Amino acid sequence: MTTTIAPTAPQQATHRVSAGSLLKAEWISIASLRSNKLSWIIGTALVVLPAAAFAAIYGAQFTDSGQDPAMLEWLPGVGEIAMNGYFFAIAMAVIIGSSVYAKEHSTGSLRTLLSAAPKRFGVMAAKAAVVIAATFIATVVAFVLALAAAWIVGELFGLPTNVDDVLFGVVLPILGAGVFAASTAAFTLGIAALLRSETWAVTASLVFVFILPMILATLPWSWGADVADVLLGTTGQNLLLAHGALSGDLLLDLVLTLAWGAAAFFGGAAVVARRDA
């Protein structure tokens, strides 16, 4: 007598990748890439070195003048000197932001990730959260080191700090640099998702942030300058400046800076959700 066993339907996996697991996976991904580590190291060095170099130049001029008090009227403070390498911080943010998506797409690892976590917006949100946090922290650390370098070199030449308000002259510009870099990283992540190319994402982002505002500002029509004033490159740079107090213009620049990063990210995430990886 034989016993017949009825076939059972295959059970589908009910396990879902949690948001915490996605964040952890994205952090491991961004921190393990050698190119990202080199970008952070080189970018930090290129932020610190100009600060030390300009502090030495201004210090030498101050010393050669016999420490003439009249020079203090035009010599920048250490907070302003520390910001001279901001271009390299933004370039670092562009490289990191593009690599988070474009490298995974080019190697095919993105498909593996999406097979484990099919909710594509969740994957993109995890990428954005990690790259924004990492870029903000790395940028703030870089500018704190640049401030220390400018301060130390300036002290060697007897250069006064020339800072009237530590909060508005030092702290807020450094935090503004972190916001600028983080928003740029999110912006580039969105552009990389749209273009699916690291090279084109980096190129397009650098052109948009640095070159386009300069071109528009030089046009012989007033609308060119008006448009340039609201672009990411202009509003982000305004966050690096020392301000006497919180103003409507400063808050508007902050909102626009964040809005550019958010717009590009959500645009890229929407495209990713509707096409093959």
C-alpha atoms as a PDB file:
ATOM      1  CA  MET A   1       0.000   0.000   0.000  1.00  0.00           C
ATOM      2  CA  THR A   2       1.485   3.281  -1.064  1.00  0.00           C
ATOM      3  CA  THR A   3       0.821   6.657   0.464  1.00  0.00           C
ATOM      4  CA  THR A   4       0.384   9.599  -1.836  1.00  0.00           C
ATOM      5  CA  ILE A   5       1.653  12.910  -0.550  1.00  0.00           C
ATOM      6  CA  ALA A   6      -0.048  15.893  -2.071  1.00  0.00           C
ATOM      7  CA  PRO A   7       2.375  18.505  -3.403  1.00  0.00           C
ATOM      8  CA  THR A   8       2.498  21.660  -1.380  1.00  0.00           C
ATOM      9  CA  ALA A   9       2.711  25.118  -2.870  1.00  0.00           C
ATOM     10  CA  PRO A  10       6.126  26.718  -2.543  1.00  0.00           C
ATOM     11  CA  GLN A  11       6.291  29.130   0.329  1.00  0.00           C
ATOM     12  CA  GLN A  12       7.334  32.656  -0.435  1.00  0.00           C
ATOM     13  CA  ALA A  13       9.826  34.352   1.778  1.00  0.00           C
ATOM     14  CA  THR A  14       8.185  36.785   4.106  1.00  0.00           C
ATOM     15  CA  HIS A  15      11.384  38.393   5.328  1.00  0.00           C
ATOM     16  CA  ARG A  16      11.663  42.058   4.514  1.00  0.00           C
ATOM     17  CA  VAL A  17      14.806  44.091   4.622  1.00  0.00           C
ATOM     18  CA  SER A  18      14.410  46.697   7.333  1.00  0.00           C
ATOM     19  CA  ALA A  19      15.346  50.335   6.990  1.00  0.00           C
ATOM     20  CA  GLY A  20      18.125  49.822   9.524  1.00  0.00           C
ATOM     21  CA  SER A  21      19.583  46.974   7.487  1.00  0.00           C
ATOM     22  CA  LEU A  22      19.519  49.113   4.351  1.00  0.00           C
ATOM     23  CA  LEU A  23      21.276  51.964   6.136  1.00  0.00           C
ATOM     24  CA  LYS A  24      23.903  49.590   7.489  1.00  0.00           C
ATOM     25  CA  ALA A  25      24.447  48.042   4.062  1.00  0.00           C
ATOM     26  CA  GLU A  26      24.792  51.452   2.422  1.00  0.00           C
ATOM     27  CA  TRP A  27      27.255  52.607   5.072  1.00  0.00           C
ATOM     28  CA  ILE A  28      29.381  49.488   4.540  1.00  0.00           C
ATOM     29  CA  SER A  29      29.216  50.091   0.793  1.00  0.00           C
ATOM     30  CA  ILE A  30      30.267  53.738   0.925  1.00  0.00           C
ATOM     31  CA  ALA A  31      32.945  53.189   3.585  1.00  0.00           C
ATOM     32  CA  SER A  32      34.516  50.138   1.956  1.00  0.00           C
ATOM     33  CA  LEU A  33      35.206  51.671  -1.448  1.00  0.00           C
ATOM     34  CA  ARG A  34      38.853  52.657  -1.739  1.00  0.00           C
ATOM     35  CA  SER A  35      38.007  55.497  -4.113  1.00  0.00           C
ATOM     36  CA  ASN A  36      35.694  57.042  -1.508  1.00  0.00           C
ATOM     37  CA  LYS A  37      38.373  56.831   1.176  1.00  0.00           C
ATOM     38  CA  LEU A  38      40.886  58.493  -1.132  1.00  0.00           C
ATOM     39  CA  SER A  39      38.357  61.181  -2.039  1.00  0.00           C
ATOM     40  CA  TRP A  40      37.786  61.982   1.640  1.00  0.00           C
ATOM     41  CA  ILE A  41      41.502  62.044   2.453  1.00  0.00           C
ATOM     42  CA  ILE A  42      42.533  64.078  -0.582  1.00  0.00           C
ATOM     43  CA  GLY A  43      39.524  66.393  -0.276  1.00  0.00           C
ATOM     44  CA  THR A  44      40.270  67.090   3.383  1.00  0.00           C
ATOM     45  CA  ALA A  45      43.927  67.792   2.604  1.00  0.00           C
ATOM     46  CA  LEU A  46      42.926  70.196  -0.192  1.00  0.00           C
ATOM     47  CA  VAL A  47      40.606  72.026   2.207  1.00  0.00           C
ATOM     48  CA  VAL A  48      43.241  72.362   4.936  1.00  0.00           C
ATOM     49  CA  LEU A  49      46.264  73.274   2.786  1.00  0.00           C
ATOM     50  CA  PRO A  50      44.806  76.458   1.204  1.00  0.00           C
ATOM     51  CA  ALA A  51      43.778  77.678   4.651  1.00  0.00           C
ATOM     52  CA  ALA A  52      47.323  77.241   5.953  1.00  0.00           C
ATOM     53  CA  ALA A  53      48.820  78.764   2.784  1.00  0.00           C
ATOM     54  CA  PHE A  54      46.634  81.891   2.839  1.00  0.00           C
ATOM     55  CA  ALA A  55      47.220  82.339   6.566  1.00  0.00           C
ATOM     56  CA  ALA A  56      50.962  82.240   5.874  1.00  0.00           C
ATOM     57  CA  ILE A  57      50.629  84.778   3.034  1.00  0.00           C
ATOM     58  CA  TYR A  58      48.560  87.224   5.081  1.00  0.00           C
ATOM     59  CA  GLY A  59      50.789  86.637   8.093  1.00  0.00           C
ATOM     60  CA  ALA A  60      53.921  87.408   6.094  1.00  0.00           C
ATOM     61  CA  GLN A  61      52.349  90.621   4.776  1.00  0.00           C
ATOM     62  CA  PHE A  62      51.338  91.613   8.290  1.00  0.00           C
ATOM     63  CA  THR A  63      54.848  90.929   9.582  1.00  0.00           C
ATOM     64  CA  ASP A  64      56.518  92.817   6.714  1.00  0.00           C
ATOM     65  CA  SER A  65      54.372  95.861   7.469  1.00  0.00           C
ATOM     66  CA  GLY A  66      55.692  95.893  11.030  1.00  0.00           C
ATOM     67  CA  GLN A  67      52.293  94.655  12.219  1.00  0.00           C
ATOM     68  CA  ASP A  68      50.638  97.849  11.060  1.00  0.00           C
ATOM     69  CA  PRO A  69      47.211  98.084  12.778  1.00  0.00           C
ATOM     70  CA  ALA A  70      45.798  99.698   9.617  1.00  0.00           C
ATOM     71  CA  MET A  71      46.119  96.338   7.822  1.00  0.00           C
ATOM     72  CA  LEU A  72      43.590  94.784  10.184  1.00  0.00           C
ATOM     73  CA  GLU A  73      40.850  96.734   8.396  1.00  0.00           C
ATOM     74  CA  TRP A  74      41.179  94.603   5.259  1.00  0.00           C
ATOM     75  CA  LEU A  75      42.832  91.397   6.478  1.00  0.00           C
ATOM     76  CA  PRO A  76      40.263  88.574   6.592  1.00  0.00           C
ATOM     77  CA  GLY A  77      39.640  86.714   9.837  1.00  0.00           C
ATOM     78  CA  VAL A  78      40.670  83.109  10.353  1.00  0.00           C
ATOM     79  CA  GLY A  79      37.091  82.019   9.695  1.00  0.00           C
ATOM     80  CA  GLU A  80      37.188  83.501   6.188  1.00  0.00           C
ATOM     81  CA  ILE A  81      40.688  82.165   5.554  1.00  0.00           C
ATOM     82  CA  ALA A  82      39.542  78.652   6.482  1.00  0.00           C
ATOM     83  CA  MET A  83      36.916  78.750   3.698  1.00  0.00           C
ATOM     84  CA  ASN A  84      39.365  79.187   0.823  1.00  0.00           C
ATOM     85  CA  GLY A  85      39.335  75.482  -0.022  1.00  0.00           C
ATOM     86  CA  TYR A  86      35.559  75.145  -0.286  1.00  0.00           C
ATOM     87  CA  PHE A  87      35.763  74.211  -3.993  1.00  0.00           C
ATOM     88  CA  PHE A  88      37.556  70.981  -3.113  1.00  0.00           C
ATOM     89  CA  ALA A  89      35.000  70.123  -0.430  1.00  0.00           C
ATOM     90  CA  ILE A  90      32.182  70.478  -2.955  1.00  0.00           C
ATOM     91  CA  ALA A  91      34.132  68.500  -5.553  1.00  0.00           C
ATOM     92  CA  MET A  92      34.556  65.734  -2.959  1.00  0.00           C
ATOM     93  CA  ALA A  93      30.799  65.779  -2.341  1.00  0.00           C
ATOM     94  CA  VAL A  94      30.133  65.477  -6.077  1.00  0.00           C
ATOM     95  CA  ILE A  95      32.445  62.477  -6.434  1.00  0.00           C
ATOM     96  CA  ILE A  96      30.988  60.673  -3.419  1.00  0.00           C
ATOM     97  CA  GLY A  97      27.399  61.420  -4.416  1.00  0.00           C
ATOM     98  CA  SER A  98      27.837  60.098  -7.940  1.00  0.00           C
ATOM     99  CA  SER A  99      29.690  56.948  -6.895  1.00  0.00           C
ATOM    100  CA  VAL A 100      26.952  55.838  -4.489  1.00  0.00           C
ATOM    101  CA  TYR A 101      24.622  55.040  -7.385  1.00  0.00           C
ATOM    102  CA  ALA A 102      26.649  54.988 -10.591  1.00  0.00           C
ATOM    103  CA  LYS A 103      29.313  52.530  -9.421  1.00  0.00           C
ATOM    104  CA  GLU A 104      26.710  50.032  -8.216  1.00  0.00           C
ATOM    105  CA  HIS A 105      24.803  50.368 -11.472  1.00  0.00           C
ATOM    106  CA  SER A 106      27.913  49.844 -13.622  1.00  0.00           C
ATOM    107  CA  THR A 107      29.061  46.768 -11.667  1.00  0.00           C
ATOM    108  CA  GLY A 108      25.602  45.201 -11.473  1.00  0.00           C
ATOM    109  CA  SER A 109      25.559  45.116  -7.671  1.00  0.00           C
ATOM    110  CA  LEU A 110      22.518  47.399  -7.716  1.00  0.00           C
ATOM    111  CA  ARG A 111      20.412  44.578  -9.184  1.00  0.00           C
ATOM    112  CA  THR A 112      21.486  42.289  -6.358  1.00  0.00           C
ATOM    113  CA  LEU A 113      20.513  44.930  -3.819  1.00  0.00           C
ATOM    114  CA  LEU A 114      17.130  45.518  -5.457  1.00  0.00           C
ATOM    115  CA  SER A 115      16.412  41.787  -5.525  1.00  0.00           C
ATOM    116  CA  ALA A 116      16.795  41.741  -1.735  1.00  0.00           C
ATOM    117  CA  ALA A 117      15.008  45.070  -1.232  1.00  0.00           C
ATOM    118  CA  PRO A 118      12.574  45.548  -4.133  1.00  0.00           C
ATOM    119  CA  LYS A 119      11.186  48.838  -2.819  1.00  0.00           C
ATOM    120  CA  ARG A 120      13.371  51.106  -4.872  1.00  0.00           C
ATOM    121  CA  PHE A 121      12.514  54.368  -3.165  1.00  0.00           C
ATOM    122  CA  GLY A 122      13.550  52.828   0.152  1.00  0.00           C
ATOM    123  CA  VAL A 123      16.904  51.871  -1.356  1.00  0.00           C
ATOM    124  CA  MET A 124      17.414  55.359  -2.781  1.00  0.00           C
ATOM    125  CA  ALA A 125      16.367  56.962   0.515  1.00  0.00           C
ATOM    126  CA  ALA A 126      18.922  54.835   2.387  1.00  0.00           C
ATOM    127  CA  LYS A 127      21.622  55.866  -0.080  1.00  0.00           C
ATOM    128  CA  ALA A 128      20.689  59.529   0.315  1.00  0.00           C
ATOM    129  CA  ALA A 129      20.592  59.370   4.117  1.00  0.00           C
ATOM    130  CA  VAL A 130      24.034  57.779   4.340  1.00  0.00           C
ATOM    131  CA  VAL A 131      25.711  59.995   1.762  1.00  0.00           C
ATOM    132  CA  ILE A 132      24.186  63.173   3.249  1.00  0.00           C
ATOM    133  CA  ALA A 133      25.255  62.303   6.798  1.00  0.00           C
ATOM    134  CA  ALA A 134      28.732  61.143   5.781  1.00  0.00           C
ATOM    135  CA  THR A 135      29.351  64.173   3.566  1.00  0.00           C
ATOM    136  CA  PHE A 136      28.112  66.648   6.167  1.00  0.00           C
ATOM    137  CA  ILE A 137      30.307  65.178   8.909  1.00  0.00           C
ATOM    138  CA  ALA A 138      33.374  64.856   6.663  1.00  0.00           C
ATOM    139  CA  THR A 139      32.988  68.442   5.440  1.00  0.00           C
ATOM    140  CA  VAL A 140      32.547  69.921   8.906  1.00  0.00           C
ATOM    141  CA  VAL A 141      35.597  68.001  10.158  1.00  0.00           C
ATOM    142  CA  ALA A 142      37.633  69.203   7.170  1.00  0.00           C
ATOM    143  CA  PHE A 143      36.769  72.852   7.805  1.00  0.00           C
ATOM    144  CA  VAL A 144      37.391  72.544  11.538  1.00  0.00           C
ATOM    145  CA  LEU A 145      40.871  71.271  10.653  1.00  0.00           C
ATOM    146  CA  ALA A 146      41.239  74.125   8.151  1.00  0.00           C
ATOM    147  CA  LEU A 147      40.254  76.628  10.844  1.00  0.00           C
ATOM    148  CA  ALA A 148      42.817  75.110  13.224  1.00  0.00           C
ATOM    149  CA  ALA A 149      45.491  75.259  10.524  1.00  0.00           C
ATOM    150  CA  ALA A 150      44.735  78.912   9.735  1.00  0.00           C
ATOM    151  CA  TRP A 151      44.711  79.763  13.428  1.00  0.00           C
ATOM    152  CA  ILE A 152      48.026  78.019  14.174  1.00  0.00           C
ATOM    153  CA  VAL A 153      49.841  79.434  11.139  1.00  0.00           C
ATOM    154  CA  GLY A 154      48.439  82.886  11.845  1.00  0.00           C
ATOM    155  CA  GLU A 155      49.694  82.709  15.430  1.00  0.00           C
ATOM    156  CA  LEU A 156      53.195  81.895  14.176  1.00  0.00           C
ATOM    157  CA  PHE A 157      53.185  85.208  12.291  1.00  0.00           C
ATOM    158  CA  GLY A 158      51.436  87.147  15.034  1.00  0.00           C
ATOM    159  CA  LEU A 159      48.302  87.500  12.900  1.00  0.00           C
ATOM    160  CA  PRO A 160      45.197  88.376  14.961  1.00  0.00           C
ATOM    161  CA  THR A 161      42.174  86.123  14.603  1.00  0.00           C
ATOM    162  CA  ASN A 162      40.123  89.146  13.502  1.00  0.00           C
ATOM    163  CA  VAL A 163      36.835  87.466  14.449  1.00  0.00           C
ATOM    164  CA  ASP A 164      34.138  89.686  15.959  1.00  0.00           C
ATOM    165  CA  ASP A 165      31.525  86.990  16.563  1.00  0.00           C
ATOM    166  CA  VAL A 166      32.484  83.317  16.872  1.00  0.00           C
ATOM    167  CA  LEU A 167      28.945  82.076  16.163  1.00  0.00           C
ATOM    168  CA  PHE A 168      28.282  84.092  12.998  1.00  0.00           C
ATOM    169  CA  GLY A 169      31.894  84.398  11.886  1.00  0.00           C
ATOM    170  CA  VAL A 170      33.081  80.819  12.413  1.00  0.00           C
ATOM    171  CA  VAL A 171      30.477  78.289  13.553  1.00  0.00           C
ATOM    172  CA  LEU A 172      27.653  79.066  11.129  1.00  0.00           C
ATOM    173  CA  PRO A 173      29.914  79.286   8.035  1.00  0.00           C
ATOM    174  CA  ILE A 174      31.417  75.874   8.868  1.00  0.00           C
ATOM    175  CA  LEU A 175      27.963  74.363   9.360  1.00  0.00           C
ATOM    176  CA  GLY A 176      26.870  76.119   6.157  1.00  0.00           C
ATOM    177  CA  ALA A 177      29.735  74.456   4.314  1.00  0.00           C
ATOM    178  CA  GLY A 178      28.520  71.098   5.609  1.00  0.00           C
ATOM    179  CA  VAL A 179      24.970  71.816   4.425  1.00  0.00           C
ATOM    180  CA  PHE A 180      26.233  72.976   1.013  1.00  0.00           C
ATOM    181  CA  ALA A 181      28.339  69.843   0.547  1.00  0.00           C
ATOM    182  CA  ALA A 182      25.602  67.494   1.799  1.00  0.00           C
ATOM    183  CA  SER A 183      22.992  69.025  -0.489  1.00  0.00           C
ATOM    184  CA  THR A 184      25.420  68.836  -3.406  1.00  0.00           C
ATOM    185  CA  ALA A 185      26.009  65.143  -2.682  1.00  0.00           C
ATOM    186  CA  ALA A 186      22.236  64.505  -2.704  1.00  0.00           C
ATOM    187  CA  PHE A 187      21.951  66.543  -5.904  1.00  0.00           C
ATOM    188  CA  THR A 188      24.660  64.490  -7.599  1.00  0.00           C
ATOM    189  CA  LEU A 189      23.111  61.235  -6.385  1.00  0.00           C
ATOM    190  CA  GLY A 190      19.892  62.218  -8.145  1.00  0.00           C
ATOM    191  CA  ILE A 191      21.754  63.221 -11.311  1.00  0.00           C
ATOM    192  CA  ALA A 192      23.662  59.913 -11.284  1.00  0.00           C
ATOM    193  CA  ALA A 193      20.361  58.030 -11.023  1.00  0.00           C
ATOM    194  CA  LEU A 194      19.038  59.980 -14.002  1.00  0.00           C
ATOM    195  CA  LEU A 195      22.129  59.607 -16.209  1.00  0.00           C
ATOM    196  CA  ARG A 196      23.400  56.193 -15.013  1.00  0.00           C
ATOM    197  CA  SER A 197      26.960  57.360 -15.576  1.00  0.00           C
ATOM    198  CA  GLU A 198      29.495  58.459 -12.978  1.00  0.00           C
ATOM    199  CA  THR A 199      31.475  60.522 -15.483  1.00  0.00           C
ATOM    200  CA  TRP A 200      28.470  62.403 -16.810  1.00  0.00           C
ATOM    201  CA  ALA A 201      26.987  62.864 -13.343  1.00  0.00           C
ATOM    202  CA  VAL A 202      30.209  64.425 -12.037  1.00  0.00           C
ATOM    203  CA  THR A 203      30.579  66.615 -15.122  1.00  0.00           C
ATOM    204  CA  ALA A 204      26.968  67.800 -15.129  1.00  0.00           C
ATOM    205  CA  SER A 205      26.991  68.537 -11.398  1.00  0.00           C
ATOM    206  CA  LEU A 206      30.234  70.522 -11.474  1.00  0.00           C
ATOM    207  CA  VAL A 207      29.020  72.524 -14.462  1.00  0.00           C
ATOM    208  CA  PHE A 208      25.701  73.247 -12.761  1.00  0.00           C
ATOM    209  CA  VAL A 209      27.230  74.201  -9.414  1.00  0.00           C
ATOM    210  CA  PHE A 210      30.260  76.218 -10.508  1.00  0.00           C
ATOM    211  CA  ILE A 211      30.174  77.161 -14.186  1.00  0.00           C
ATOM    212  CA  LEU A 212      26.510  77.868 -14.974  1.00  0.00           C
ATOM    213  CA  PRO A 213      26.092  80.607 -12.316  1.00  0.00           C
ATOM    214  CA  MET A 214      29.182  82.419 -13.634  1.00  0.00           C
ATOM    215  CA  ILE A 215      27.933  82.236 -17.222  1.00  0.00           C
ATOM    216  CA  LEU A 216      24.472  83.507 -16.306  1.00  0.00           C
ATOM    217  CA  ALA A 217      25.884  86.317 -14.161  1.00  0.00           C
ATOM    218  CA  THR A 218      27.910  87.649 -17.120  1.00  0.00           C
ATOM    219  CA  LEU A 219      24.973  87.781 -19.544  1.00  0.00           C
ATOM    220  CA  PRO A 220      23.935  91.302 -20.619  1.00  0.00           C
ATOM    221  CA  TRP A 221      20.367  90.736 -19.374  1.00  0.00           C
ATOM    222  CA  SER A 222      19.184  91.241 -15.818  1.00  0.00           C
ATOM    223  CA  TRP A 223      17.363  87.917 -15.735  1.00  0.00           C
ATOM    224  CA  GLY A 224      20.708  86.124 -16.065  1.00  0.00           C
ATOM    225  CA  ALA A 225      21.954  87.482 -12.757  1.00  0.00           C
ATOM    226  CA  ASP A 226      18.563  86.858 -11.140  1.00  0.00           C
ATOM    227  CA  VAL A 227      18.619  83.200 -12.159  1.00  0.00           C
ATOM    228  CA  ALA A 228      22.255  82.828 -11.084  1.00  0.00           C
ATOM    229  CA  ASP A 229      21.358  84.127  -7.621  1.00  0.00           C
ATOM    230  CA  VAL A 230      18.978  81.229  -6.938  1.00  0.00           C
ATOM    231  CA  LEU A 231      21.134  78.394  -8.284  1.00  0.00           C
ATOM    232  CA  LEU A 232      22.766  75.876  -5.941  1.00  0.00           C
ATOM    233  CA  GLY A 233      26.286  77.176  -6.531  1.00  0.00           C
ATOM    234  CA  THR A 234      25.353  80.720  -5.480  1.00  0.00           C
ATOM    235  CA  THR A 235      23.063  79.953  -2.550  1.00  0.00           C
ATOM    236  CA  GLY A 236      25.517  77.395  -1.197  1.00  0.00           C
ATOM    237  CA  GLN A 237      28.434  79.809  -1.347  1.00  0.00           C
ATOM    238  CA  ASN A 238      26.378  82.409   0.514  1.00  0.00           C
ATOM    239  CA  LEU A 239      26.131  79.985   3.441  1.00  0.00           C
ATOM    240  CA  LEU A 240      29.930  80.097   3.773  1.00  0.00           C
ATOM    241  CA  LEU A 241      30.031  83.839   4.377  1.00  0.00           C
ATOM    242  CA  ALA A 242      30.184  85.477   7.795  1.00  0.00           C
ATOM    243  CA  HIS A 243      26.893  87.172   8.667  1.00  0.00           C
ATOM    244  CA  GLY A 244      26.227  89.700  11.360  1.00  0.00           C
ATOM    245  CA  ALA A 245      22.906  88.086  12.270  1.00  0.00           C
ATOM    246  CA  LEU A 246      20.274  85.696  11.018  1.00  0.00           C
ATOM    247  CA  SER A 247      18.475  87.365   8.137  1.00  0.00           C
ATOM    248  CA  GLY A 248      15.748  86.572   5.656  1.00  0.00           C
ATOM    249  CA  ASP A 249      18.292  86.354   2.845  1.00  0.00           C
ATOM    250  CA  LEU A 250      20.384  83.815   4.761  1.00  0.00           C
ATOM    251  CA  LEU A 251      17.356  81.657   5.525  1.00  0.00           C
ATOM    252  CA  LEU A 252      16.262  81.869   1.874  1.00  0.00           C
ATOM    253  CA  ASP A 253      19.713  80.719   0.744  1.00  0.00           C
ATOM    254  CA  LEU A 254      19.492  77.805   3.196  1.00  0.00           C
ATOM    255  CA  VAL A 255      16.058  76.770   1.929  1.00  0.00           C
ATOM    256  CA  LEU A 256      17.106  77.013  -1.731  1.00  0.00           C
ATOM    257  CA  THR A 257      20.294  75.048  -1.084  1.00  0.00           C
ATOM    258  CA  LEU A 258      18.344  72.230   0.519  1.00  0.00           C
ATOM    259  CA  ALA A 259      15.626  72.418  -2.149  1.00  0.00           C
ATOM    260  CA  TRP A 260      18.082  71.868  -5.016  1.00  0.00           C
ATOM    261  CA  GLY A 261      19.429  68.711  -3.406  1.00  0.00           C
ATOM    262  CA  ALA A 262      15.926  67.436  -2.648  1.00  0.00           C
ATOM    263  CA  ALA A 263      14.604  68.189  -6.147  1.00  0.00           C
ATOM    264  CA  ALA A 264      17.413  66.314  -7.909  1.00  0.00           C
ATOM    265  CA  PHE A 265      17.202  63.378  -5.507  1.00  0.00           C
ATOM    266  CA  PHE A 266      13.429  62.920  -5.804  1.00  0.00           C
ATOM    267  CA  GLY A 267      13.674  63.294  -9.569  1.00  0.00           C
ATOM    268  CA  GLY A 268      16.308  60.582  -9.753  1.00  0.00           C
ATOM    269  CA  ALA A 269      14.412  58.332  -7.320  1.00  0.00           C
ATOM    270  CA  ALA A 270      11.224  58.674  -9.381  1.00  0.00           C
ATOM    271  CA  VAL A 271      13.057  57.597 -12.537  1.00  0.00           C
ATOM    272  CA  VAL A 272      14.704  54.647 -10.767  1.00  0.00           C
ATOM    273  CA  ALA A 273      11.299  53.460  -9.554  1.00  0.00           C
ATOM    274  CA  ARG A 274       9.975  53.331 -13.126  1.00  0.00           C
ATOM    275  CA  ARG A 275      12.766  51.726 -15.131  1.00  0.00           C
ATOM    276  CA  ASP A 276      14.953  48.651 -15.070  1.00  0.00           C
ATOM    277  CA  ALA A 277      18.116  48.712 -12.976  1.00  0.00           C
END
